[in-house]
Amino acid sequence: MLVGYKSFNKGLVNNYGKPFEVGKTYSTTGPIIAGNNGKGFHMCEHMEDTFRYFYEEGKGDFDVCLVRGSGLSDYKYDEYYDYEMYAFQTMEIIRLLTREEIVNYGIDLRDNRFRKYISTIRLNSEEIERFEKRLLETHRLMELQHLDYYQKGEEDAYVKVKRW
């Protein structure tokens, strides 16, 4: 059993058009295989790993749920994109996360997990300011460069010298 995250298209619809509901449990039969062509209910232990399916397709607005996977399972690590995923025989949709919870989750991530989060979510201007303030308070200058590059579009964020 694992409690983790699953992202959906707005309205809790998966990438295959199947609708889901909070509070319900879903099950499947047969072999469980994690991956893009796998079988089972996919989820990730880390929220930022779920975002890659929506960012790459240009989807800016999506739902994130806290979920619980159980039963037969499979695990996959994609070393090219650096993310992990699980597939489970059974998945319970525990609850839909608010935007505030999604933002709060990412604000104190560190290193590569922060880079994955900030590179695959679209923050609004108030959220960017909030991240910037927190990063300055905690002296996380590399993460501030990631914020500048991915959220503000500053292509030279990693090469120019800044005085924060």
Protein backbone atom coordinates (compact mmCIF):
# COMPACT_ATOMS: atom_id res chain seq x y z
CA MET A 1 0.00 0.00 0.00
CA LEU A 2 1.17 3.52 -0.80
CA VAL A 3 -0.35 6.94 -0.24
CA GLY A 4 0.72 9.38 -2.93
CA TYR A 5 -0.52 11.66 -5.69
CA LYS A 6 -2.31 11.44 -8.99
CA SER A 7 -2.94 14.29 -11.40
CA PHE A 8 -6.00 14.44 -13.62
CA ASN A 9 -7.34 16.69 -16.32
CA LYS A 10 -9.71 19.28 -14.84
CA GLY A 11 -12.84 17.58 -13.52
CA LEU A 12 -10.96 14.44 -12.39
CA VAL A 13 -10.77 12.92 -15.86
CA ASN A 14 -7.73 10.80 -16.72
CA ASN A 15 -5.78 11.05 -19.98
CA TYR A 16 -8.00 8.37 -21.52
CA GLY A 17 -11.23 10.26 -20.83
CA LYS A 18 -12.34 8.16 -17.84
CA PRO A 19 -13.95 10.22 -15.03
CA PHE A 20 -13.06 9.57 -11.39
CA GLU A 21 -14.71 10.64 -8.13
CA VAL A 22 -13.34 11.60 -4.74
CA GLY A 23 -14.13 8.97 -2.11
CA LYS A 24 -14.43 6.11 -4.57
CA THR A 25 -12.17 3.07 -4.97
CA TYR A 26 -11.31 1.64 -8.39
CA SER A 27 -9.95 -1.82 -9.21
CA THR A 28 -8.72 -3.70 -12.24
CA THR A 29 -7.73 -7.28 -13.01
CA GLY A 30 -4.86 -8.86 -14.85
CA PRO A 31 -1.17 -8.06 -14.80
CA ILE A 32 -0.19 -4.68 -13.31
CA ILE A 33 2.57 -2.89 -15.24
CA ALA A 34 3.81 0.64 -14.56
CA GLY A 35 4.59 2.83 -17.56
CA ASN A 36 3.06 4.73 -20.43
CA ASN A 37 1.81 1.52 -22.01
CA GLY A 38 1.20 -0.23 -18.70
CA LYS A 39 -1.90 -1.44 -16.94
CA GLY A 40 -3.24 -0.48 -13.56
CA PHE A 41 -3.93 2.72 -11.68
CA HIS A 42 -0.89 4.95 -11.87
CA MET A 43 0.26 7.29 -9.13
CA CYS A 44 3.45 8.84 -7.80
CA GLU A 45 4.93 9.07 -4.34
CA HIS A 46 6.06 12.66 -5.05
CA MET A 47 3.57 15.17 -6.43
CA GLU A 48 6.05 16.79 -8.81
CA ASP A 49 6.47 13.49 -10.67
CA THR A 50 2.79 13.59 -11.68
CA PHE A 51 3.11 17.01 -13.35
CA ARG A 52 5.22 15.82 -16.27
CA TYR A 53 2.18 14.29 -17.96
CA PHE A 54 0.42 17.63 -18.07
CA TYR A 55 3.29 20.04 -18.67
CA GLU A 56 4.61 18.21 -21.74
CA GLU A 57 1.16 18.18 -23.31
CA GLY A 58 0.72 21.92 -22.71
CA LYS A 59 -2.07 21.45 -20.19
CA GLY A 60 -1.81 24.24 -17.67
CA ASP A 61 -4.86 23.54 -15.58
CA PHE A 62 -5.25 20.17 -13.90
CA ASP A 63 -6.42 18.56 -10.66
CA VAL A 64 -4.20 16.79 -8.13
CA CYS A 65 -5.56 14.22 -5.70
CA LEU A 66 -4.22 12.43 -2.70
CA VAL A 67 -4.68 8.73 -3.46
CA ARG A 68 -4.03 5.33 -1.90
CA GLY A 69 -2.83 2.43 -4.00
CA SER A 70 -3.10 -1.18 -2.85
CA GLY A 71 -3.11 -4.76 -4.08
CA LEU A 72 -0.78 -5.95 -6.81
CA SER A 73 1.70 -3.26 -7.84
CA ASP A 74 4.58 -2.41 -10.13
CA TYR A 75 7.22 0.32 -9.98
CA LYS A 76 9.07 2.17 -12.73
CA TYR A 77 11.88 4.68 -12.63
CA ASP A 78 12.39 6.66 -15.84
CA GLU A 79 16.04 7.68 -15.78
CA TYR A 80 15.72 9.82 -18.92
CA TYR A 81 13.08 12.12 -17.41
CA ASP A 82 14.05 11.39 -13.77
CA TYR A 83 10.69 10.46 -12.32
CA GLU A 84 9.13 7.52 -10.51
CA MET A 85 5.71 6.00 -10.93
CA TYR A 86 3.71 3.16 -9.48
CA ALA A 87 0.81 1.16 -10.86
CA PHE A 88 -1.62 -0.51 -8.48
CA GLN A 89 -4.44 -2.98 -8.84
CA THR A 90 -6.65 -0.81 -6.62
CA MET A 91 -6.69 2.95 -6.11
CA GLU A 92 -8.77 5.04 -3.73
CA ILE A 93 -9.24 8.76 -4.44
CA ILE A 94 -8.90 10.18 -0.92
CA ARG A 95 -9.36 13.87 -1.68
CA LEU A 96 -8.85 16.66 -4.16
CA LEU A 97 -6.06 19.05 -3.18
CA THR A 98 -6.60 22.79 -3.20
CA ARG A 99 -4.34 25.10 -5.18
CA GLU A 100 -2.97 26.38 -1.86
CA GLU A 101 -1.99 22.84 -0.83
CA ILE A 102 -0.28 22.27 -4.19
CA VAL A 103 1.70 25.50 -3.86
CA ASN A 104 2.56 24.86 -0.20
CA TYR A 105 3.84 21.41 -1.13
CA GLY A 106 6.41 22.84 -3.53
CA ILE A 107 7.65 25.89 -1.69
CA ASP A 108 10.06 24.04 0.60
CA LEU A 109 11.22 21.30 -1.76
CA ARG A 110 14.98 21.21 -2.27
CA ASP A 111 17.45 20.53 -5.04
CA ASN A 112 16.29 18.30 -7.89
CA ARG A 113 12.79 17.84 -6.48
CA PHE A 114 12.36 21.63 -6.45
CA ARG A 115 13.64 21.89 -10.03
CA LYS A 116 11.18 19.22 -11.20
CA TYR A 117 8.32 20.93 -9.39
CA ILE A 118 9.06 24.48 -10.57
CA SER A 119 9.74 23.39 -14.16
CA THR A 120 6.43 21.58 -14.58
CA ILE A 121 3.85 23.76 -12.85
CA ARG A 122 2.49 27.12 -13.91
CA LEU A 123 2.46 29.60 -11.04
CA ASN A 124 0.59 32.89 -11.14
CA SER A 125 2.36 36.18 -10.35
CA GLU A 126 1.35 36.17 -6.66
CA GLU A 127 2.59 32.60 -6.25
CA ILE A 128 5.89 33.48 -7.96
CA GLU A 129 6.36 36.38 -5.53
CA ARG A 130 5.61 34.08 -2.61
CA PHE A 131 8.19 31.54 -3.82
CA GLU A 132 10.75 34.28 -4.41
CA LYS A 133 10.29 35.68 -0.90
CA ARG A 134 10.63 32.21 0.67
CA LEU A 135 13.71 31.34 -1.38
CA LEU A 136 15.40 34.62 -0.40
CA GLU A 137 14.53 34.11 3.28
CA THR A 138 16.09 30.65 3.24
CA HIS A 139 19.11 31.62 1.09
CA ARG A 140 18.30 29.08 -1.62
CA LEU A 141 19.94 30.83 -4.55
CA MET A 142 20.05 27.86 -6.94
CA GLU A 143 16.34 27.30 -6.48
CA LEU A 144 15.83 31.04 -7.07
CA GLN A 145 17.62 30.66 -10.40
CA HIS A 146 15.28 27.77 -11.27
CA LEU A 147 12.31 30.00 -10.43
CA ASP A 148 13.67 32.81 -12.62
CA TYR A 149 14.33 30.46 -15.53
CA TYR A 150 11.18 28.32 -15.51
CA GLN A 151 8.57 30.72 -14.18
CA LYS A 152 9.80 34.14 -15.27
CA GLY A 153 11.33 33.00 -18.56
CA GLU A 154 14.74 34.53 -17.85
CA GLU A 155 16.91 32.56 -20.27
CA ASP A 156 20.12 33.85 -18.71
CA ALA A 157 19.09 33.03 -15.14
CA TYR A 158 21.99 30.60 -14.68
CA VAL A 159 24.74 32.74 -16.20
CA LYS A 160 24.15 36.26 -14.96
CA VAL A 161 25.25 37.46 -11.57
CA LYS A 162 22.44 38.82 -9.44
CA ARG A 163 22.40 40.70 -6.18
CA TRP A 164 19.35 39.46 -4.32
